[in-house]
PDB file of N, CA and C in Angstrom:
ATOM      1  N   MET A   1     118.107  28.299 131.053  1.00  0.00           N
ATOM      2  CA  MET A   1     118.563  29.045 129.913  1.00  0.00           C
ATOM      3  C   MET A   1     117.612  28.877 128.735  1.00  0.00           C
ATOM      4  N   LYS A   2     117.178  27.635 128.503  1.00  0.00           N
ATOM      5  CA  LYS A   2     116.280  27.365 127.394  1.00  0.00           C
ATOM      6  C   LYS A   2     114.945  28.074 127.592  1.00  0.00           C
ATOM      7  N   GLN A   3     114.479  28.149 128.828  1.00  0.00           N
ATOM      8  CA  GLN A   3     113.211  28.813 129.128  1.00  0.00           C
ATOM      9  C   GLN A   3     113.327  30.321 128.857  1.00  0.00           C
ATOM     10  N   THR A   4     114.466  30.928 129.172  1.00  0.00           N
ATOM     11  CA  THR A   4     114.684  32.356 128.932  1.00  0.00           C
ATOM     12  C   THR A   4     114.676  32.643 127.436  1.00  0.00           C
ATOM     13  N   SER A   5     115.319  31.807 126.655  1.00  0.00           N
ATOM     14  CA  SER A   5     115.354  32.024 125.217  1.00  0.00           C
ATOM     15  C   SER A   5     113.976  31.814 124.597  1.00  0.00           C
ATOM     16  N   SER A   6     113.202  30.868 125.102  1.00  0.00           N
ATOM     17  CA  SER A   6     111.830  30.667 124.622  1.00  0.00           C
ATOM     18  C   SER A   6     110.962  31.871 124.963  1.00  0.00           C
ATOM     19  N   LEU A   7     111.166  32.428 126.141  1.00  0.00           N
ATOM     20  CA  LEU A   7     110.416  33.602 126.570  1.00  0.00           C
ATOM     21  C   LEU A   7     110.755  34.806 125.688  1.00  0.00           C
ATOM     22  N   LYS A   8     112.032  34.961 125.351  1.00  0.00           N
ATOM     23  CA  LYS A   8     112.442  36.055 124.464  1.00  0.00           C
ATOM     24  C   LYS A   8     111.803  35.891 123.082  1.00  0.00           C
ATOM     25  N   MET A   9     111.808  34.665 122.573  1.00  0.00           N
ATOM     26  CA  MET A   9     111.223  34.397 121.261  1.00  0.00           C
ATOM     27  C   MET A   9     109.724  34.679 121.277  1.00  0.00           C
ATOM     28  N   LEU A  10     109.049  34.267 122.317  1.00  0.00           N
ATOM     29  CA  LEU A  10     107.615  34.503 122.456  1.00  0.00           C
ATOM     30  C   LEU A  10     107.323  36.002 122.533  1.00  0.00           C
ATOM     31  N   SER A  11     108.150  36.741 123.252  1.00  0.00           N
ATOM     32  CA  SER A  11     107.989  38.197 123.355  1.00  0.00           C
ATOM     33  C   SER A  11     108.178  38.859 121.994  1.00  0.00           C
ATOM     34  N   LEU A  12     109.159  38.394 121.248  1.00  0.00           N
ATOM     35  CA  LEU A  12     109.420  38.942 119.921  1.00  0.00           C
ATOM     36  C   LEU A  12     108.239  38.685 118.983  1.00  0.00           C
ATOM     37  N   VAL A  13     107.703  37.485 119.011  1.00  0.00           N
ATOM     38  CA  VAL A  13     106.547  37.148 118.174  1.00  0.00           C
ATOM     39  C   VAL A  13     105.348  38.007 118.564  1.00  0.00           C
ATOM     40  N   ALA A  14     105.111  38.186 119.843  1.00  0.00           N
ATOM     41  CA  ALA A  14     103.999  39.019 120.310  1.00  0.00           C
ATOM     42  C   ALA A  14     104.167  40.462 119.841  1.00  0.00           C
ATOM     43  N   LEU A  15     105.378  40.968 119.924  1.00  0.00           N
ATOM     44  CA  LEU A  15     105.654  42.331 119.468  1.00  0.00           C
ATOM     45  C   LEU A  15     105.388  42.463 117.965  1.00  0.00           C
ATOM     46  N   MET A  16     105.804  41.475 117.193  1.00  0.00           N
ATOM     47  CA  MET A  16     105.581  41.511 115.747  1.00  0.00           C
ATOM     48  C   MET A  16     104.091  41.478 115.423  1.00  0.00           C
ATOM     49  N   LEU A  17     103.327  40.715 116.181  1.00  0.00           N
ATOM     50  CA  LEU A  17     101.883  40.643 115.955  1.00  0.00           C
ATOM     51  C   LEU A  17     101.201  41.980 116.218  1.00  0.00           C
ATOM     52  N   VAL A  18     101.766  42.773 117.098  1.00  0.00           N
ATOM     53  CA  VAL A  18     101.212  44.088 117.402  1.00  0.00           C
ATOM     54  C   VAL A  18     101.684  45.127 116.388  1.00  0.00           C
ATOM     55  N   VAL A  19     102.954  45.114 116.034  1.00  0.00           N
ATOM     56  CA  VAL A  19     103.536  46.163 115.191  1.00  0.00           C
ATOM     57  C   VAL A  19     103.180  45.999 113.712  1.00  0.00           C
ATOM     58  N   PHE A  20     103.263  44.807 113.149  1.00  0.00           N
ATOM     59  CA  PHE A  20     103.055  44.631 111.713  1.00  0.00           C
ATOM     60  C   PHE A  20     101.680  45.079 111.230  1.00  0.00           C
ATOM     61  N   PRO A  21     100.597  44.788 111.930  1.00  0.00           N
ATOM     62  CA  PRO A  21      99.304  45.307 111.455  1.00  0.00           C
ATOM     63  C   PRO A  21      99.245  46.834 111.429  1.00  0.00           C
ATOM     64  N   LEU A  22     100.014  47.501 112.264  1.00  0.00           N
ATOM     65  CA  LEU A  22     100.023  48.965 112.277  1.00  0.00           C
ATOM     66  C   LEU A  22     100.801  49.520 111.094  1.00  0.00           C
ATOM     67  N   VAL A  23     101.844  48.839 110.680  1.00  0.00           N
ATOM     68  CA  VAL A  23     102.690  49.303 109.585  1.00  0.00           C
ATOM     69  C   VAL A  23     102.057  48.973 108.233  1.00  0.00           C
ATOM     70  N   SER A  24     101.449  47.834 108.107  1.00  0.00           N
ATOM     71  CA  SER A  24     100.916  47.362 106.843  1.00  0.00           C
ATOM     72  C   SER A  24      99.899  48.301 106.195  1.00  0.00           C
ATOM     73  N   PRO A  25      98.883  48.833 106.909  1.00  0.00           N
ATOM     74  CA  PRO A  25      97.936  49.741 106.254  1.00  0.00           C
ATOM     75  C   PRO A  25      98.599  50.986 105.680  1.00  0.00           C
ATOM     76  N   ALA A  26      99.591  51.512 106.351  1.00  0.00           N
ATOM     77  CA  ALA A  26     100.282  52.702 105.842  1.00  0.00           C
ATOM     78  C   ALA A  26     101.014  52.371 104.546  1.00  0.00           C
ATOM     79  N   ALA A  27     101.669  51.243 104.505  1.00  0.00           N
ATOM     80  CA  ALA A  27     102.373  50.829 103.288  1.00  0.00           C
ATOM     81  C   ALA A  27     101.383  50.560 102.167  1.00  0.00           C
ATOM     82  N   ASN A  28     100.252  49.937 102.496  1.00  0.00           N
ATOM     83  CA  ASN A  28      99.226  49.640 101.507  1.00  0.00           C
ATOM     84  C   ASN A  28      98.625  50.924 100.948  1.00  0.00           C
ATOM     85  N   LYS A  29      98.396  51.916 101.809  1.00  0.00           N
ATOM     86  CA  LYS A  29      97.835  53.192 101.377  1.00  0.00           C
ATOM     87  C   LYS A  29      98.798  53.896 100.420  1.00  0.00           C
ATOM     88  N   LYS A  30     100.084  53.861 100.732  1.00  0.00           N
ATOM     89  CA  LYS A  30     101.090  54.478  99.867  1.00  0.00           C
ATOM     90  C   LYS A  30     101.137  53.757  98.523  1.00  0.00           C
ATOM     91  N   SER A  31     101.056  52.443  98.547  1.00  0.00           N
ATOM     92  CA  SER A  31     101.060  51.646  97.326  1.00  0.00           C
ATOM     93  C   SER A  31      99.833  51.973  96.473  1.00  0.00           C
ATOM     94  N   GLN A  32      98.664  52.099  97.104  1.00  0.00           N
ATOM     95  CA  GLN A  32      97.432  52.436  96.389  1.00  0.00           C
ATOM     96  C   GLN A  32      97.527  53.832  95.790  1.00  0.00           C
ATOM     97  N   SER A  33      98.104  54.761  96.533  1.00  0.00           N
ATOM     98  CA  SER A  33      98.280  56.125  96.041  1.00  0.00           C
ATOM     99  C   SER A  33      99.169  56.132  94.800  1.00  0.00           C
ATOM    100  N   LYS A  34     100.222  55.329  94.818  1.00  0.00           N
ATOM    101  CA  LYS A  34     101.126  55.229  93.659  1.00  0.00           C
ATOM    102  C   LYS A  34     100.385  54.654  92.464  1.00  0.00           C
ATOM    103  N   LYS A  35      99.559  53.624  92.691  1.00  0.00           N
ATOM    104  CA  LYS A  35      98.786  53.026  91.602  1.00  0.00           C
ATOM    105  C   LYS A  35      97.842  54.058  90.993  1.00  0.00           C
ATOM    106  N   ASN A  36      97.175  54.853  91.848  1.00  0.00           N
ATOM    107  CA  ASN A  36      96.261  55.878  91.353  1.00  0.00           C
ATOM    108  C   ASN A  36      97.010  56.931  90.550  1.00  0.00           C
ATOM    109  N   SER A  37      98.177  57.325  91.033  1.00  0.00           N
ATOM    110  CA  SER A  37      98.995  58.311  90.331  1.00  0.00           C
ATOM    111  C   SER A  37      99.434  57.765  88.979  1.00  0.00           C
ATOM    112  N   ASP A  38      99.848  56.506  88.955  1.00  0.00           N
ATOM    113  CA  ASP A  38     100.255  55.867  87.703  1.00  0.00           C
ATOM    114  C   ASP A  38      99.074  55.780  86.737  1.00  0.00           C
ATOM    115  N   ARG A  39      97.893  55.464  87.261  1.00  0.00           N
ATOM    116  CA  ARG A  39      96.689  55.357  86.419  1.00  0.00           C
ATOM    117  C   ARG A  39      96.344  56.725  85.827  1.00  0.00           C
ATOM    118  N   GLY A  40      96.417  57.776  86.643  1.00  0.00           N
ATOM    119  CA  GLY A  40      96.145  59.127  86.161  1.00  0.00           C
ATOM    120  C   GLY A  40      97.117  59.527  85.066  1.00  0.00           C
ATOM    121  N   ALA A  41      98.389  59.223  85.258  1.00  0.00           N
ATOM    122  CA  ALA A  41      99.407  59.532  84.249  1.00  0.00           C
ATOM    123  C   ALA A  41      99.135  58.755  82.963  1.00  0.00           C
ATOM    124  N   TYR A  42      98.772  57.485  83.108  1.00  0.00           N
ATOM    125  CA  TYR A  42      98.467  56.660  81.936  1.00  0.00           C
ATOM    126  C   TYR A  42      97.290  57.244  81.151  1.00  0.00           C
ATOM    127  N   LEU A  43      96.207  57.574  81.851  1.00  0.00           N
ATOM    128  CA  LEU A  43      95.027  58.128  81.178  1.00  0.00           C
ATOM    129  C   LEU A  43      95.367  59.434  80.469  1.00  0.00           C
ATOM    130  N   TYR A  44      96.116  60.285  81.146  1.00  0.00           N
ATOM    131  CA  TYR A  44      96.492  61.578  80.568  1.00  0.00           C
ATOM    132  C   TYR A  44      97.371  61.389  79.335  1.00  0.00           C
ATOM    133  N   MET A  45      98.394  60.563  79.454  1.00  0.00           N
ATOM    134  CA  MET A  45      99.325  60.353  78.340  1.00  0.00           C
ATOM    135  C   MET A  45      98.624  59.708  77.139  1.00  0.00           C
ATOM    136  N   ALA A  46      97.708  58.798  77.398  1.00  0.00           N
ATOM    137  CA  ALA A  46      97.034  58.090  76.317  1.00  0.00           C
ATOM    138  C   ALA A  46      95.986  58.943  75.606  1.00  0.00           C
ATOM    139  N   SER A  47      95.305  59.819  76.328  1.00  0.00           N
ATOM    140  CA  SER A  47      94.153  60.498  75.742  1.00  0.00           C
ATOM    141  C   SER A  47      94.213  62.018  75.738  1.00  0.00           C
ATOM    142  N   CYS A  48      94.999  62.618  76.595  1.00  0.00           N
ATOM    143  CA  CYS A  48      94.996  64.080  76.733  1.00  0.00           C
ATOM    144  C   CYS A  48      96.291  64.721  76.238  1.00  0.00           C
ATOM    145  N   GLU A  49      97.399  64.072  76.512  1.00  0.00           N
ATOM    146  CA  GLU A  49      98.719  64.639  76.265  1.00  0.00           C
ATOM    147  C   GLU A  49      98.981  65.050  74.815  1.00  0.00           C
ATOM    148  N   PRO A  50      98.445  64.336  73.816  1.00  0.00           N
ATOM    149  CA  PRO A  50      98.723  64.774  72.446  1.00  0.00           C
ATOM    150  C   PRO A  50      98.328  66.237  72.173  1.00  0.00           C
ATOM    151  N   CYS A  51      97.260  66.716  72.782  1.00  0.00           N
ATOM    152  CA  CYS A  51      96.842  68.118  72.593  1.00  0.00           C
ATOM    153  C   CYS A  51      97.184  69.003  73.790  1.00  0.00           C
ATOM    154  N   HIS A  52      97.381  68.390  74.935  1.00  0.00           N
ATOM    155  CA  HIS A  52      97.628  69.154  76.167  1.00  0.00           C
ATOM    156  C   HIS A  52      99.024  68.867  76.715  1.00  0.00           C
ATOM    157  N   GLN A  53     100.019  68.959  75.848  1.00  0.00           N
ATOM    158  CA  GLN A  53     101.396  68.695  76.271  1.00  0.00           C
ATOM    159  C   GLN A  53     101.797  69.653  77.384  1.00  0.00           C
ATOM    160  N   THR A  54     102.375  69.089  78.408  1.00  0.00           N
ATOM    161  CA  THR A  54     102.830  69.823  79.603  1.00  0.00           C
ATOM    162  C   THR A  54     101.769  70.767  80.159  1.00  0.00           C
ATOM    163  N   GLY A  55     100.509  70.341  80.086  1.00  0.00           N
ATOM    164  CA  GLY A  55      99.428  71.137  80.673  1.00  0.00           C
ATOM    165  C   GLY A  55      98.965  72.281  79.806  1.00  0.00           C
ATOM    166  N   GLY A  56      99.442  72.335  78.579  1.00  0.00           N
ATOM    167  CA  GLY A  56      99.043  73.407  77.670  1.00  0.00           C
ATOM    168  C   GLY A  56      97.782  73.056  76.913  1.00  0.00           C
ATOM    169  N   ASN A  57      97.579  73.726  75.781  1.00  0.00           N
ATOM    170  CA  ASN A  57      96.407  73.489  74.956  1.00  0.00           C
ATOM    171  C   ASN A  57      96.775  73.861  73.523  1.00  0.00           C
ATOM    172  N   MET A  58      96.979  72.865  72.669  1.00  0.00           N
ATOM    173  CA  MET A  58      97.386  73.132  71.290  1.00  0.00           C
ATOM    174  C   MET A  58      96.248  73.713  70.453  1.00  0.00           C
ATOM    175  N   ILE A  59      95.012  73.384  70.773  1.00  0.00           N
ATOM    176  CA  ILE A  59      93.860  73.880  70.020  1.00  0.00           C
ATOM    177  C   ILE A  59      93.588  75.343  70.365  1.00  0.00           C
ATOM    178  N   ASN A  60      93.614  75.642  71.651  1.00  0.00           N
ATOM    179  CA  ASN A  60      93.366  77.008  72.120  1.00  0.00           C
ATOM    180  C   ASN A  60      94.431  77.365  73.158  1.00  0.00           C
ATOM    181  N   PRO A  61      95.579  77.871  72.725  1.00  0.00           N
ATOM    182  CA  PRO A  61      96.701  78.131  73.637  1.00  0.00           C
ATOM    183  C   PRO A  61      96.377  79.037  74.829  1.00  0.00           C
ATOM    184  N   ASP A  62      95.338  79.853  74.713  1.00  0.00           N
ATOM    185  CA  ASP A  62      94.962  80.727  75.831  1.00  0.00           C
ATOM    186  C   ASP A  62      94.235  79.978  76.946  1.00  0.00           C
ATOM    187  N   LYS A  63      93.805  78.747  76.679  1.00  0.00           N
ATOM    188  CA  LYS A  63      93.058  77.972  77.675  1.00  0.00           C
ATOM    189  C   LYS A  63      93.857  76.739  78.089  1.00  0.00           C
ATOM    190  N   LYS A  64      94.886  76.966  78.848  1.00  0.00           N
ATOM    191  CA  LYS A  64      95.741  75.879  79.328  1.00  0.00           C
ATOM    192  C   LYS A  64      95.060  75.125  80.466  1.00  0.00           C
ATOM    193  N   ILE A  65      95.471  73.896  80.657  1.00  0.00           N
ATOM    194  CA  ILE A  65      94.980  73.115  81.791  1.00  0.00           C
ATOM    195  C   ILE A  65      95.585  73.651  83.085  1.00  0.00           C
ATOM    196  N   VAL A  66      96.868  73.949  83.027  1.00  0.00           N
ATOM    197  CA  VAL A  66      97.564  74.449  84.217  1.00  0.00           C
ATOM    198  C   VAL A  66      96.871  75.723  84.695  1.00  0.00           C
ATOM    199  N   ASN A  67      96.536  75.752  85.967  1.00  0.00           N
ATOM    200  CA  ASN A  67      95.853  76.888  86.605  1.00  0.00           C
ATOM    201  C   ASN A  67      94.465  77.175  86.037  1.00  0.00           C
ATOM    202  N   SER A  68      93.865  76.218  85.371  1.00  0.00           N
ATOM    203  CA  SER A  68      92.531  76.398  84.807  1.00  0.00           C
ATOM    204  C   SER A  68      91.471  76.384  85.904  1.00  0.00           C
ATOM    205  N   ASP A  69      90.396  77.139  85.697  1.00  0.00           N
ATOM    206  CA  ASP A  69      89.279  77.098  86.642  1.00  0.00           C
ATOM    207  C   ASP A  69      88.489  75.795  86.501  1.00  0.00           C
ATOM    208  N   LYS A  70      88.812  74.994  85.511  1.00  0.00           N
ATOM    209  CA  LYS A  70      88.134  73.701  85.296  1.00  0.00           C
ATOM    210  C   LYS A  70      88.674  72.607  86.212  1.00  0.00           C
ATOM    211  N   ILE A  71      89.745  72.908  86.945  1.00  0.00           N
ATOM    212  CA  ILE A  71      90.307  71.895  87.848  1.00  0.00           C
ATOM    213  C   ILE A  71      90.298  72.371  89.301  1.00  0.00           C
ATOM    214  N   THR A  72      89.411  73.303  89.614  1.00  0.00           N
ATOM    215  CA  THR A  72      89.340  73.798  90.994  1.00  0.00           C
ATOM    216  C   THR A  72      88.794  72.752  91.958  1.00  0.00           C
ATOM    217  N   SER A  73      87.991  71.824  91.439  1.00  0.00           N
ATOM    218  CA  SER A  73      87.498  70.716  92.263  1.00  0.00           C
ATOM    219  C   SER A  73      87.209  69.533  91.346  1.00  0.00           C
ATOM    220  N   GLU A  74      87.095  68.371  91.946  1.00  0.00           N
ATOM    221  CA  GLU A  74      86.803  67.177  91.163  1.00  0.00           C
ATOM    222  C   GLU A  74      85.426  67.289  90.509  1.00  0.00           C
ATOM    223  N   ALA A  75      84.452  67.882  91.215  1.00  0.00           N
ATOM    224  CA  ALA A  75      83.100  68.050  90.669  1.00  0.00           C
ATOM    225  C   ALA A  75      83.109  68.979  89.454  1.00  0.00           C
ATOM    226  N   VAL A  76      83.849  70.069  89.528  1.00  0.00           N
ATOM    227  CA  VAL A  76      83.954  71.011  88.403  1.00  0.00           C
ATOM    228  C   VAL A  76      84.632  70.320  87.218  1.00  0.00           C
ATOM    229  N   PHE A  77      85.681  69.558  87.501  1.00  0.00           N
ATOM    230  CA  PHE A  77      86.407  68.824  86.462  1.00  0.00           C
ATOM    231  C   PHE A  77      85.479  67.827  85.766  1.00  0.00           C
ATOM    232  N   LYS A  78      84.705  67.085  86.555  1.00  0.00           N
ATOM    233  CA  LYS A  78      83.778  66.095  86.001  1.00  0.00           C
ATOM    234  C   LYS A  78      82.720  66.786  85.139  1.00  0.00           C
ATOM    235  N   LYS A  79      82.178  67.896  85.621  1.00  0.00           N
ATOM    236  CA  LYS A  79      81.161  68.633  84.869  1.00  0.00           C
ATOM    237  C   LYS A  79      81.744  69.135  83.542  1.00  0.00           C
ATOM    238  N   PHE A  80      82.961  69.634  83.580  1.00  0.00           N
ATOM    239  CA  PHE A  80      83.618  70.104  82.358  1.00  0.00           C
ATOM    240  C   PHE A  80      83.783  68.960  81.362  1.00  0.00           C
ATOM    241  N   LEU A  81      84.270  67.820  81.830  1.00  0.00           N
ATOM    242  CA  LEU A  81      84.475  66.686  80.933  1.00  0.00           C
ATOM    243  C   LEU A  81      83.158  66.165  80.367  1.00  0.00           C
ATOM    244  N   ALA A  82      82.100  66.190  81.177  1.00  0.00           N
ATOM    245  CA  ALA A  82      80.801  65.671  80.748  1.00  0.00           C
ATOM    246  C   ALA A  82      80.187  66.522  79.638  1.00  0.00           C
ATOM    247  N   ALA A  83      80.479  67.821  79.614  1.00  0.00           N
ATOM    248  CA  ALA A  83      80.004  68.696  78.540  1.00  0.00           C
ATOM    249  C   ALA A  83      80.914  68.465  77.342  1.00  0.00           C
ATOM    250  N   GLN A  84      80.426  67.708  76.372  1.00  0.00           N
ATOM    251  CA  GLN A  84      81.268  67.310  75.243  1.00  0.00           C
ATOM    252  C   GLN A  84      81.861  68.515  74.519  1.00  0.00           C
ATOM    253  N   HIS A  85      83.136  68.410  74.229  1.00  0.00           N
ATOM    254  CA  HIS A  85      83.861  69.439  73.488  1.00  0.00           C
ATOM    255  C   HIS A  85      84.280  68.824  72.157  1.00  0.00           C
ATOM    256  N   ALA A  86      84.003  69.532  71.066  1.00  0.00           N
ATOM    257  CA  ALA A  86      84.196  68.982  69.716  1.00  0.00           C
ATOM    258  C   ALA A  86      85.590  68.406  69.488  1.00  0.00           C
ATOM    259  N   GLN A  87      86.603  69.059  70.029  1.00  0.00           N
ATOM    260  CA  GLN A  87      87.970  68.621  69.753  1.00  0.00           C
ATOM    261  C   GLN A  87      88.431  67.489  70.667  1.00  0.00           C
ATOM    262  N   MET A  88      87.716  67.265  71.748  1.00  0.00           N
ATOM    263  CA  MET A  88      88.147  66.259  72.731  1.00  0.00           C
ATOM    264  C   MET A  88      87.397  64.950  72.519  1.00  0.00           C
ATOM    265  N   PRO A  89      88.056  63.829  72.782  1.00  0.00           N
ATOM    266  CA  PRO A  89      87.340  62.551  72.706  1.00  0.00           C
ATOM    267  C   PRO A  89      86.269  62.503  73.791  1.00  0.00           C
ATOM    268  N   PRO A  90      85.188  61.759  73.551  1.00  0.00           N
ATOM    269  CA  PRO A  90      84.152  61.640  74.590  1.00  0.00           C
ATOM    270  C   PRO A  90      84.778  61.126  75.890  1.00  0.00           C
ATOM    271  N   TRP A  91      84.539  61.837  76.971  1.00  0.00           N
ATOM    272  CA  TRP A  91      85.221  61.520  78.225  1.00  0.00           C
ATOM    273  C   TRP A  91      84.887  60.137  78.748  1.00  0.00           C
ATOM    274  N   LYS A  92      83.702  59.620  78.435  1.00  0.00           N
ATOM    275  CA  LYS A  92      83.347  58.283  78.939  1.00  0.00           C
ATOM    276  C   LYS A  92      84.144  57.182  78.245  1.00  0.00           C
ATOM    277  N   THR A  93      84.798  57.511  77.134  1.00  0.00           N
ATOM    278  CA  THR A  93      85.683  56.526  76.507  1.00  0.00           C
ATOM    279  C   THR A  93      87.043  56.506  77.195  1.00  0.00           C
ATOM    280  N   ILE A  94      87.330  57.554  77.961  1.00  0.00           N
ATOM    281  CA  ILE A  94      88.609  57.664  78.667  1.00  0.00           C
ATOM    282  C   ILE A  94      88.447  57.274  80.132  1.00  0.00           C
ATOM    283  N   VAL A  95      87.456  57.876  80.766  1.00  0.00           N
ATOM    284  CA  VAL A  95      87.215  57.697  82.199  1.00  0.00           C
ATOM    285  C   VAL A  95      86.132  56.635  82.367  1.00  0.00           C
ATOM    286  N   LYS A  96      86.540  55.451  82.754  1.00  0.00           N
ATOM    287  CA  LYS A  96      85.616  54.318  82.846  1.00  0.00           C
ATOM    288  C   LYS A  96      84.982  54.157  84.228  1.00  0.00           C
ATOM    289  N   SER A  97      85.504  54.885  85.215  1.00  0.00           N
ATOM    290  CA  SER A  97      85.006  54.723  86.584  1.00  0.00           C
ATOM    291  C   SER A  97      85.299  55.984  87.388  1.00  0.00           C
ATOM    292  N   GLU A  98      84.707  56.055  88.565  1.00  0.00           N
ATOM    293  CA  GLU A  98      84.994  57.174  89.472  1.00  0.00           C
ATOM    294  C   GLU A  98      86.470  57.158  89.880  1.00  0.00           C
ATOM    295  N   ALA A  99      87.031  55.959  89.997  1.00  0.00           N
ATOM    296  CA  ALA A  99      88.457  55.850  90.353  1.00  0.00           C
ATOM    297  C   ALA A  99      89.326  56.439  89.237  1.00  0.00           C
ATOM    298  N   ASP A 100      88.945  56.189  87.972  1.00  0.00           N
ATOM    299  CA  ASP A 100      89.673  56.782  86.848  1.00  0.00           C
ATOM    300  C   ASP A 100      89.559  58.300  86.868  1.00  0.00           C
ATOM    301  N   LEU A 101      88.349  58.795  87.126  1.00  0.00           N
ATOM    302  CA  LEU A 101      88.138  60.246  87.181  1.00  0.00           C
ATOM    303  C   LEU A 101      89.023  60.871  88.248  1.00  0.00           C
ATOM    304  N   LYS A 102      89.024  60.261  89.419  1.00  0.00           N
ATOM    305  CA  LYS A 102      89.832  60.775  90.536  1.00  0.00           C
ATOM    306  C   LYS A 102      91.324  60.732  90.186  1.00  0.00           C
ATOM    307  N   ALA A 103      91.762  59.629  89.592  1.00  0.00           N
ATOM    308  CA  ALA A 103      93.179  59.486  89.226  1.00  0.00           C
ATOM    309  C   ALA A 103      93.578  60.533  88.185  1.00  0.00           C
ATOM    310  N   LEU A 104      92.740  60.728  87.173  1.00  0.00           N
ATOM    311  CA  LEU A 104      93.040  61.717  86.134  1.00  0.00           C
ATOM    312  C   LEU A 104      93.017  63.124  86.716  1.00  0.00           C
ATOM    313  N   TYR A 105      92.015  63.419  87.531  1.00  0.00           N
ATOM    314  CA  TYR A 105      91.917  64.740  88.164  1.00  0.00           C
ATOM    315  C   TYR A 105      93.153  65.026  89.014  1.00  0.00           C
ATOM    316  N   ASN A 106      93.548  64.076  89.835  1.00  0.00           N
ATOM    317  CA  ASN A 106      94.718  64.275  90.699  1.00  0.00           C
ATOM    318  C   ASN A 106      95.994  64.459  89.880  1.00  0.00           C
ATOM    319  N   TYR A 107      96.106  63.742  88.775  1.00  0.00           N
ATOM    320  CA  TYR A 107      97.285  63.904  87.919  1.00  0.00           C
ATOM    321  C   TYR A 107      97.304  65.296  87.282  1.00  0.00           C
ATOM    322  N   VAL A 108      96.178  65.715  86.740  1.00  0.00           N
ATOM    323  CA  VAL A 108      96.089  67.018  86.072  1.00  0.00           C
ATOM    324  C   VAL A 108      96.379  68.152  87.052  1.00  0.00           C
ATOM    325  N   ARG A 109      95.917  68.007  88.290  1.00  0.00           N
ATOM    326  CA  ARG A 109      96.157  69.041  89.310  1.00  0.00           C
ATOM    327  C   ARG A 109      97.648  69.231  89.585  1.00  0.00           C
ATOM    328  N   LYS A 110      98.436  68.196  89.360  1.00  0.00           N
ATOM    329  CA  LYS A 110      99.872  68.272  89.653  1.00  0.00           C
ATOM    330  C   LYS A 110     100.692  68.844  88.497  1.00  0.00           C
ATOM    331  N   LEU A 111     100.066  69.035  87.341  1.00  0.00           N
ATOM    332  CA  LEU A 111     100.804  69.579  86.197  1.00  0.00           C
ATOM    333  C   LEU A 111     101.243  71.000  86.491  1.00  0.00           C
ATOM    334  N   LYS A 112     102.434  71.340  86.075  1.00  0.00           N
ATOM    335  CA  LYS A 112     102.953  72.696  86.298  1.00  0.00           C
ATOM    336  C   LYS A 112     103.512  73.233  85.006  1.00  0.00           C
TER     337      LYS A 112
END
């Protein structure tokens, strides 16, 4: 009886060693995605939202962020930000890394 219970325990441990590594990367990826989304929201709220509330544009209402051709791709978005605009803060003071750029771009793309 004791040998059967030890065998069951060993089988359970072996199964856990196989299954947990498969589940962990998926959970980690979801967690990282949430962090990026939170970072994008933070950057937007801190630096963009005062003039671009709900994806709009208080300076030039005809040029909203929502459905803008400036967010068709991350490269287009980066090029737009790099061309300094008088009313906007210098983008390098907001976007400190490629990860920040990606997070901000992904957040802006979700605005409706």
